[in-house]
Amino acid sequence: MVKTYGAIVAVDDLNLEIAKGELFGCLGPNGAGKTTALKLSAGLVKPTAGSITIGGFDLQQQPLEAKRLIGFIPDNPYIYDSLTGREFMHFCAGLYKMNGQAVGARVVELFDRFQVGTWADRRCAEYSHGMKQRVVMASAFLHNPQIILIDEPMVGLDPAGMRLVKRILREFCADSGAVMLSTHTLLDAEELCDRVGIIHQGKMIACGTVEEIKRDRSRLEDAFIDLTSPAAV
């Protein structure tokens, strides 16, 4: 897929396949095209060229079918401050045309999994960034998606929240889900991801397991800096 903004090429001929059960990490410097790639994959941005297929559905030709399979979590969790967390979840359920008693039970299940606790019925204006992140993440799982697209998942979370999110993402993949995440935190990528891709100036310049990317280097950070340094481009 390709995405341009005038003369600027944000994503340049990106060709990527993520399998069921796989946790894939997008790495790259600021402005490399990681977030644009995620938004393209979520159907929030239309590609200039190329196609995107989610679960066998073409995202441009069959957007409703494809988007039913996607849970998208942005880096900045947007949430309506006037609603409680529970009300926000029911609002999101309505967007997916979910209704009935099953929604209430699903919200309880997800709030328990994300450890929202007594914050569920407090207005979101009172939430910390980390609590907003937990509720927005929970909302992305509401409709039982097959793939989670998540931008900087650990931003704003305390250590306990980070451990919780890592566990939830691993469990989702173990249950045949797929995750595509963008992160600047190379230690998280090294710990979590089955494969990583390094995007630089819109291009995928390296893709493989962490060990394949590292090669003879001791740390993923060393490989990242070597591959994205001006001398390597």
C-alpha atoms as a PDB file:
ATOM      1  CA  MET A   1       0.000   0.000   0.000  1.00  0.00           C
ATOM      2  CA  VAL A   2       0.998   3.597  -0.681  1.00  0.00           C
ATOM      3  CA  LYS A   3      -0.107   6.838   0.962  1.00  0.00           C
ATOM      4  CA  THR A   4       0.964  10.250  -0.243  1.00  0.00           C
ATOM      5  CA  TYR A   5       0.072  13.759   0.869  1.00  0.00           C
ATOM      6  CA  GLY A   6       0.953  15.905  -2.106  1.00  0.00           C
ATOM      7  CA  ALA A   7       4.689  15.458  -2.652  1.00  0.00           C
ATOM      8  CA  ILE A   8       5.128  13.757   0.722  1.00  0.00           C
ATOM      9  CA  VAL A   9       5.214   9.952   0.658  1.00  0.00           C
ATOM     10  CA  ALA A  10       4.032   8.835   4.099  1.00  0.00           C
ATOM     11  CA  VAL A  11       3.872   5.095   3.299  1.00  0.00           C
ATOM     12  CA  ASP A  12       5.892   3.797   0.360  1.00  0.00           C
ATOM     13  CA  ASP A  13       4.949   0.424  -1.152  1.00  0.00           C
ATOM     14  CA  LEU A  14       4.368  -1.306   2.198  1.00  0.00           C
ATOM     15  CA  ASN A  15       3.667  -5.014   1.698  1.00  0.00           C
ATOM     16  CA  LEU A  16       2.802  -6.892   4.886  1.00  0.00           C
ATOM     17  CA  GLU A  17       0.858  -9.984   5.940  1.00  0.00           C
ATOM     18  CA  ILE A  18      -0.037 -10.717   9.571  1.00  0.00           C
ATOM     19  CA  ALA A  19      -1.249 -14.205  10.458  1.00  0.00           C
ATOM     20  CA  LYS A  20      -3.783 -15.328  13.035  1.00  0.00           C
ATOM     21  CA  GLY A  21      -2.135 -15.732  16.408  1.00  0.00           C
ATOM     22  CA  GLU A  22       0.667 -13.305  15.546  1.00  0.00           C
ATOM     23  CA  LEU A  23       1.731 -10.221  17.471  1.00  0.00           C
ATOM     24  CA  PHE A  24       3.473  -7.905  15.017  1.00  0.00           C
ATOM     25  CA  GLY A  25       5.318  -4.737  16.015  1.00  0.00           C
ATOM     26  CA  CYS A  26       5.897  -1.670  13.829  1.00  0.00           C
ATOM     27  CA  LEU A  27       9.042   0.196  14.820  1.00  0.00           C
ATOM     28  CA  GLY A  28      10.543   3.339  13.385  1.00  0.00           C
ATOM     29  CA  PRO A  29      11.729   6.879  14.093  1.00  0.00           C
ATOM     30  CA  ASN A  30       9.302   9.758  14.530  1.00  0.00           C
ATOM     31  CA  GLY A  31       7.549  10.498  11.252  1.00  0.00           C
ATOM     32  CA  ALA A  32       8.511   7.162   9.720  1.00  0.00           C
ATOM     33  CA  GLY A  33       4.926   6.265   8.739  1.00  0.00           C
ATOM     34  CA  LYS A  34       3.988   3.843  11.532  1.00  0.00           C
ATOM     35  CA  THR A  35       0.796   5.592  12.616  1.00  0.00           C
ATOM     36  CA  THR A  36      -0.240   6.172   8.997  1.00  0.00           C
ATOM     37  CA  ALA A  37       0.211   2.444   8.323  1.00  0.00           C
ATOM     38  CA  LEU A  38      -2.029   1.624  11.287  1.00  0.00           C
ATOM     39  CA  LYS A  39      -4.691   4.115  10.199  1.00  0.00           C
ATOM     40  CA  LEU A  40      -4.607   2.709   6.672  1.00  0.00           C
ATOM     41  CA  SER A  41      -5.068  -0.793   8.086  1.00  0.00           C
ATOM     42  CA  ALA A  42      -7.999   0.402  10.204  1.00  0.00           C
ATOM     43  CA  GLY A  43      -9.728   2.070   7.270  1.00  0.00           C
ATOM     44  CA  LEU A  44      -9.384   5.540   8.806  1.00  0.00           C
ATOM     45  CA  VAL A  45      -7.207   6.727   5.933  1.00  0.00           C
ATOM     46  CA  LYS A  46      -7.686   5.773   2.280  1.00  0.00           C
ATOM     47  CA  PRO A  47      -4.594   4.485   0.472  1.00  0.00           C
ATOM     48  CA  THR A  48      -3.339   6.399  -2.551  1.00  0.00           C
ATOM     49  CA  ALA A  49      -2.540   3.057  -4.187  1.00  0.00           C
ATOM     50  CA  GLY A  50      -2.741  -0.604  -3.268  1.00  0.00           C
ATOM     51  CA  SER A  51      -5.257  -2.641  -1.304  1.00  0.00           C
ATOM     52  CA  ILE A  52      -5.781  -3.893   2.249  1.00  0.00           C
ATOM     53  CA  THR A  53      -7.516  -7.158   3.089  1.00  0.00           C
ATOM     54  CA  ILE A  54      -8.824  -7.985   6.560  1.00  0.00           C
ATOM     55  CA  GLY A  55     -10.027 -11.552   7.117  1.00  0.00           C
ATOM     56  CA  GLY A  56     -10.636 -11.989   3.399  1.00  0.00           C
ATOM     57  CA  PHE A  57     -12.558  -8.697   3.005  1.00  0.00           C
ATOM     58  CA  ASP A  58     -11.200  -5.844   0.908  1.00  0.00           C
ATOM     59  CA  LEU A  59     -11.162  -2.791   3.177  1.00  0.00           C
ATOM     60  CA  GLN A  60     -12.128  -0.421   0.352  1.00  0.00           C
ATOM     61  CA  GLN A  61     -14.677  -2.622  -1.405  1.00  0.00           C
ATOM     62  CA  GLN A  62     -16.228  -4.235   1.712  1.00  0.00           C
ATOM     63  CA  PRO A  63     -15.565  -1.715   4.487  1.00  0.00           C
ATOM     64  CA  LEU A  64     -18.359  -2.747   6.861  1.00  0.00           C
ATOM     65  CA  GLU A  65     -17.464  -6.430   6.746  1.00  0.00           C
ATOM     66  CA  ALA A  66     -13.750  -5.682   7.190  1.00  0.00           C
ATOM     67  CA  LYS A  67     -14.165  -3.138   9.994  1.00  0.00           C
ATOM     68  CA  ARG A  68     -16.330  -5.538  12.021  1.00  0.00           C
ATOM     69  CA  LEU A  69     -13.179  -7.611  12.410  1.00  0.00           C
ATOM     70  CA  ILE A  70     -11.010  -4.700  13.624  1.00  0.00           C
ATOM     71  CA  GLY A  71     -10.472  -3.150  17.031  1.00  0.00           C
ATOM     72  CA  PHE A  72      -8.513   0.113  16.782  1.00  0.00           C
ATOM     73  CA  ILE A  73      -6.787   1.789  19.736  1.00  0.00           C
ATOM     74  CA  PRO A  74      -5.182   5.209  19.038  1.00  0.00           C
ATOM     75  CA  ASP A  75      -2.190   6.566  20.904  1.00  0.00           C
ATOM     76  CA  ASN A  76      -4.300   9.345  22.413  1.00  0.00           C
ATOM     77  CA  PRO A  77      -7.423   7.795  23.970  1.00  0.00           C
ATOM     78  CA  TYR A  78     -10.419   9.936  23.060  1.00  0.00           C
ATOM     79  CA  ILE A  79     -13.347   9.516  25.385  1.00  0.00           C
ATOM     80  CA  TYR A  80     -16.443  11.632  26.136  1.00  0.00           C
ATOM     81  CA  ASP A  81     -15.776  13.297  29.487  1.00  0.00           C
ATOM     82  CA  SER A  82     -19.477  13.716  30.312  1.00  0.00           C
ATOM     83  CA  LEU A  83     -20.090   9.952  30.163  1.00  0.00           C
ATOM     84  CA  THR A  84     -19.185   7.335  32.706  1.00  0.00           C
ATOM     85  CA  GLY A  85     -16.931   4.525  31.545  1.00  0.00           C
ATOM     86  CA  ARG A  86     -19.895   2.160  31.436  1.00  0.00           C
ATOM     87  CA  GLU A  87     -21.967   4.624  29.411  1.00  0.00           C
ATOM     88  CA  PHE A  88     -19.083   5.070  26.986  1.00  0.00           C
ATOM     89  CA  MET A  89     -18.905   1.297  26.492  1.00  0.00           C
ATOM     90  CA  HIS A  90     -22.644   1.101  25.761  1.00  0.00           C
ATOM     91  CA  PHE A  91     -22.276   4.019  23.326  1.00  0.00           C
ATOM     92  CA  CYS A  92     -19.521   2.101  21.506  1.00  0.00           C
ATOM     93  CA  ALA A  93     -21.646  -1.045  21.506  1.00  0.00           C
ATOM     94  CA  GLY A  94     -24.370   0.910  19.729  1.00  0.00           C
ATOM     95  CA  LEU A  95     -21.923   1.888  16.991  1.00  0.00           C
ATOM     96  CA  TYR A  96     -21.390  -1.826  16.351  1.00  0.00           C
ATOM     97  CA  LYS A  97     -25.172  -2.384  16.503  1.00  0.00           C
ATOM     98  CA  MET A  98     -24.784  -4.525  19.607  1.00  0.00           C
ATOM     99  CA  ASN A  99     -27.730  -4.474  21.990  1.00  0.00           C
ATOM    100  CA  GLY A 100     -29.573  -6.492  24.594  1.00  0.00           C
ATOM    101  CA  GLN A 101     -28.519  -7.953  27.913  1.00  0.00           C
ATOM    102  CA  ALA A 102     -25.415  -9.508  26.374  1.00  0.00           C
ATOM    103  CA  VAL A 103     -23.838  -6.034  26.085  1.00  0.00           C
ATOM    104  CA  GLY A 104     -24.070  -5.406  29.808  1.00  0.00           C
ATOM    105  CA  ALA A 105     -22.476  -8.757  30.558  1.00  0.00           C
ATOM    106  CA  ARG A 106     -19.734  -8.118  28.006  1.00  0.00           C
ATOM    107  CA  VAL A 107     -18.965  -4.720  29.550  1.00  0.00           C
ATOM    108  CA  VAL A 108     -18.711  -6.277  33.012  1.00  0.00           C
ATOM    109  CA  GLU A 109     -16.398  -8.975  31.621  1.00  0.00           C
ATOM    110  CA  LEU A 110     -14.100  -6.473  29.920  1.00  0.00           C
ATOM    111  CA  PHE A 111     -14.010  -4.049  32.833  1.00  0.00           C
ATOM    112  CA  ASP A 112     -13.047  -6.945  35.041  1.00  0.00           C
ATOM    113  CA  ARG A 113     -10.310  -8.008  32.603  1.00  0.00           C
ATOM    114  CA  PHE A 114      -8.916  -4.458  32.342  1.00  0.00           C
ATOM    115  CA  GLN A 115      -9.315  -3.897  36.094  1.00  0.00           C
ATOM    116  CA  VAL A 116     -11.413  -0.752  35.757  1.00  0.00           C
ATOM    117  CA  GLY A 117     -13.061  -1.443  39.111  1.00  0.00           C
ATOM    118  CA  THR A 118     -15.091   1.308  40.782  1.00  0.00           C
ATOM    119  CA  TRP A 119     -14.137   3.790  38.056  1.00  0.00           C
ATOM    120  CA  ALA A 120     -16.727   2.170  35.769  1.00  0.00           C
ATOM    121  CA  ASP A 121     -19.521   4.443  37.000  1.00  0.00           C
ATOM    122  CA  ARG A 122     -17.528   7.638  37.473  1.00  0.00           C
ATOM    123  CA  ARG A 123     -17.456  10.310  34.790  1.00  0.00           C
ATOM    124  CA  CYS A 124     -14.546  10.027  32.400  1.00  0.00           C
ATOM    125  CA  ALA A 125     -13.560  13.641  33.150  1.00  0.00           C
ATOM    126  CA  GLU A 126     -12.233  12.285  36.463  1.00  0.00           C
ATOM    127  CA  TYR A 127     -10.061   9.630  34.812  1.00  0.00           C
ATOM    128  CA  SER A 128      -6.293   9.683  34.599  1.00  0.00           C
ATOM    129  CA  HIS A 129      -4.738   9.170  31.162  1.00  0.00           C
ATOM    130  CA  GLY A 130      -3.997   5.567  32.115  1.00  0.00           C
ATOM    131  CA  MET A 131      -7.602   4.853  33.150  1.00  0.00           C
ATOM    132  CA  LYS A 132      -8.878   6.397  29.908  1.00  0.00           C
ATOM    133  CA  GLN A 133      -6.455   4.132  28.061  1.00  0.00           C
ATOM    134  CA  ARG A 134      -7.841   1.062  29.837  1.00  0.00           C
ATOM    135  CA  VAL A 135     -11.451   1.958  28.996  1.00  0.00           C
ATOM    136  CA  VAL A 136     -10.660   2.746  25.347  1.00  0.00           C
ATOM    137  CA  MET A 137      -8.768  -0.548  25.061  1.00  0.00           C
ATOM    138  CA  ALA A 138     -11.709  -2.398  26.589  1.00  0.00           C
ATOM    139  CA  SER A 139     -14.057  -0.761  24.060  1.00  0.00           C
ATOM    140  CA  ALA A 140     -11.909  -2.065  21.183  1.00  0.00           C
ATOM    141  CA  PHE A 141     -12.538  -5.635  22.366  1.00  0.00           C
ATOM    142  CA  LEU A 142     -16.317  -5.200  22.751  1.00  0.00           C
ATOM    143  CA  HIS A 143     -17.380  -6.711  19.434  1.00  0.00           C
ATOM    144  CA  ASN A 144     -14.961  -9.672  19.552  1.00  0.00           C
ATOM    145  CA  PRO A 145     -12.642  -8.472  16.766  1.00  0.00           C
ATOM    146  CA  GLN A 146     -10.172 -10.741  14.997  1.00  0.00           C
ATOM    147  CA  ILE A 147      -7.388  -8.152  14.822  1.00  0.00           C
ATOM    148  CA  ILE A 148      -6.358  -5.393  17.212  1.00  0.00           C
ATOM    149  CA  LEU A 149      -4.510  -2.373  15.792  1.00  0.00           C
ATOM    150  CA  ILE A 150      -2.899  -0.392  18.586  1.00  0.00           C
ATOM    151  CA  ASP A 151      -0.703   2.707  18.524  1.00  0.00           C
ATOM    152  CA  GLU A 152       1.754   3.090  21.440  1.00  0.00           C
ATOM    153  CA  PRO A 153      -0.108   0.753  23.822  1.00  0.00           C
ATOM    154  CA  MET A 154       1.926   1.522  26.952  1.00  0.00           C
ATOM    155  CA  VAL A 155       1.719   5.334  26.899  1.00  0.00           C
ATOM    156  CA  GLY A 156       0.277   6.652  30.156  1.00  0.00           C
ATOM    157  CA  LEU A 157       0.092   3.264  31.867  1.00  0.00           C
ATOM    158  CA  ASP A 158       1.765   2.524  35.187  1.00  0.00           C
ATOM    159  CA  PRO A 159       3.906  -0.647  35.494  1.00  0.00           C
ATOM    160  CA  ALA A 160       0.931  -2.740  36.663  1.00  0.00           C
ATOM    161  CA  GLY A 161      -1.150  -1.483  33.738  1.00  0.00           C
ATOM    162  CA  MET A 162       1.647  -2.283  31.298  1.00  0.00           C
ATOM    163  CA  ARG A 163       1.920  -5.833  32.598  1.00  0.00           C
ATOM    164  CA  LEU A 164      -1.858  -6.221  32.392  1.00  0.00           C
ATOM    165  CA  VAL A 165      -2.042  -5.008  28.768  1.00  0.00           C
ATOM    166  CA  LYS A 166       0.852  -7.243  27.724  1.00  0.00           C
ATOM    167  CA  ARG A 167      -0.922 -10.245  29.227  1.00  0.00           C
ATOM    168  CA  ILE A 168      -4.228  -9.377  27.520  1.00  0.00           C
ATOM    169  CA  LEU A 169      -2.564  -8.975  24.118  1.00  0.00           C
ATOM    170  CA  ARG A 170      -0.735 -12.294  24.497  1.00  0.00           C
ATOM    171  CA  GLU A 171      -3.968 -14.059  25.513  1.00  0.00           C
ATOM    172  CA  PHE A 172      -5.779 -12.531  22.535  1.00  0.00           C
ATOM    173  CA  CYS A 173      -3.156 -13.900  20.152  1.00  0.00           C
ATOM    174  CA  ALA A 174      -3.129 -17.280  21.907  1.00  0.00           C
ATOM    175  CA  ASP A 175      -6.873 -17.397  21.152  1.00  0.00           C
ATOM    176  CA  SER A 176      -6.158 -16.947  17.404  1.00  0.00           C
ATOM    177  CA  GLY A 177      -6.429 -13.169  17.332  1.00  0.00           C
ATOM    178  CA  ALA A 178      -3.837 -10.991  15.618  1.00  0.00           C
ATOM    179  CA  VAL A 179      -2.247  -7.788  16.885  1.00  0.00           C
ATOM    180  CA  MET A 180      -0.435  -5.056  14.986  1.00  0.00           C
ATOM    181  CA  LEU A 181       1.106  -2.480  17.280  1.00  0.00           C
ATOM    182  CA  SER A 182       3.291   0.569  16.888  1.00  0.00           C
ATOM    183  CA  THR A 183       5.771   1.409  19.606  1.00  0.00           C
ATOM    184  CA  HIS A 184       8.881   3.432  20.320  1.00  0.00           C
ATOM    185  CA  THR A 185       9.642   1.217  23.307  1.00  0.00           C
ATOM    186  CA  LEU A 186      12.035  -1.354  21.893  1.00  0.00           C
ATOM    187  CA  LEU A 187      12.134  -3.398  25.095  1.00  0.00           C
ATOM    188  CA  ASP A 188       8.358  -3.897  24.848  1.00  0.00           C
ATOM    189  CA  ALA A 189       8.708  -4.981  21.221  1.00  0.00           C
ATOM    190  CA  GLU A 190      11.510  -7.361  22.117  1.00  0.00           C
ATOM    191  CA  GLU A 191       9.448  -8.897  24.906  1.00  0.00           C
ATOM    192  CA  LEU A 192       6.069  -9.036  23.165  1.00  0.00           C
ATOM    193  CA  CYS A 193       6.372  -9.427  19.425  1.00  0.00           C
ATOM    194  CA  ASP A 194       6.609 -12.561  17.309  1.00  0.00           C
ATOM    195  CA  ARG A 195       7.898 -10.412  14.428  1.00  0.00           C
ATOM    196  CA  VAL A 196       8.818  -6.772  14.043  1.00  0.00           C
ATOM    197  CA  GLY A 197       9.099  -4.500  11.042  1.00  0.00           C
ATOM    198  CA  ILE A 198      11.241  -1.371  10.986  1.00  0.00           C
ATOM    199  CA  ILE A 199       9.715   1.447   8.935  1.00  0.00           C
ATOM    200  CA  HIS A 200      11.898   4.346   7.866  1.00  0.00           C
ATOM    201  CA  GLN A 201      10.890   7.183   5.556  1.00  0.00           C
ATOM    202  CA  GLY A 202       7.726   5.285   4.693  1.00  0.00           C
ATOM    203  CA  LYS A 203       9.500   2.080   3.651  1.00  0.00           C
ATOM    204  CA  MET A 204       9.759  -1.265   5.451  1.00  0.00           C
ATOM    205  CA  ILE A 205      13.545  -1.592   5.645  1.00  0.00           C
ATOM    206  CA  ALA A 206      13.669  -4.749   7.783  1.00  0.00           C
ATOM    207  CA  CYS A 207      11.159  -7.394   8.830  1.00  0.00           C
ATOM    208  CA  GLY A 208      11.510 -10.625  10.801  1.00  0.00           C
ATOM    209  CA  THR A 209      11.790 -12.041  14.286  1.00  0.00           C
ATOM    210  CA  VAL A 210      13.651 -10.000  16.866  1.00  0.00           C
ATOM    211  CA  GLU A 211      16.593 -12.383  16.617  1.00  0.00           C
ATOM    212  CA  GLU A 212      16.633 -12.068  12.814  1.00  0.00           C
ATOM    213  CA  ILE A 213      16.651  -8.270  13.073  1.00  0.00           C
ATOM    214  CA  LYS A 214      19.345  -8.235  15.752  1.00  0.00           C
ATOM    215  CA  ARG A 215      21.640 -10.698  13.949  1.00  0.00           C
ATOM    216  CA  ASP A 216      24.996 -10.452  15.721  1.00  0.00           C
ATOM    217  CA  ARG A 217      23.994  -7.480  17.858  1.00  0.00           C
ATOM    218  CA  SER A 218      23.215  -7.899  21.548  1.00  0.00           C
ATOM    219  CA  ARG A 219      20.210  -5.544  21.642  1.00  0.00           C
ATOM    220  CA  LEU A 220      17.337  -4.628  19.353  1.00  0.00           C
ATOM    221  CA  GLU A 221      18.119  -0.977  20.077  1.00  0.00           C
ATOM    222  CA  ASP A 222      21.542  -1.372  18.457  1.00  0.00           C
ATOM    223  CA  ALA A 223      20.021  -2.907  15.335  1.00  0.00           C
ATOM    224  CA  PHE A 224      17.359  -0.191  15.162  1.00  0.00           C
ATOM    225  CA  ILE A 225      19.911   2.626  15.353  1.00  0.00           C
ATOM    226  CA  ASP A 226      22.215   0.971  12.833  1.00  0.00           C
ATOM    227  CA  LEU A 227      19.394   0.434  10.329  1.00  0.00           C
ATOM    228  CA  THR A 228      17.855   3.908  10.638  1.00  0.00           C
ATOM    229  CA  SER A 229      21.015   5.996  10.912  1.00  0.00           C
ATOM    230  CA  PRO A 230      21.699   8.497   8.081  1.00  0.00           C
ATOM    231  CA  ALA A 231      24.706   6.443   7.017  1.00  0.00           C
ATOM    232  CA  ALA A 232      22.523   3.369   6.469  1.00  0.00           C
ATOM    233  CA  VAL A 233      19.934   5.135   4.305  1.00  0.00           C
END
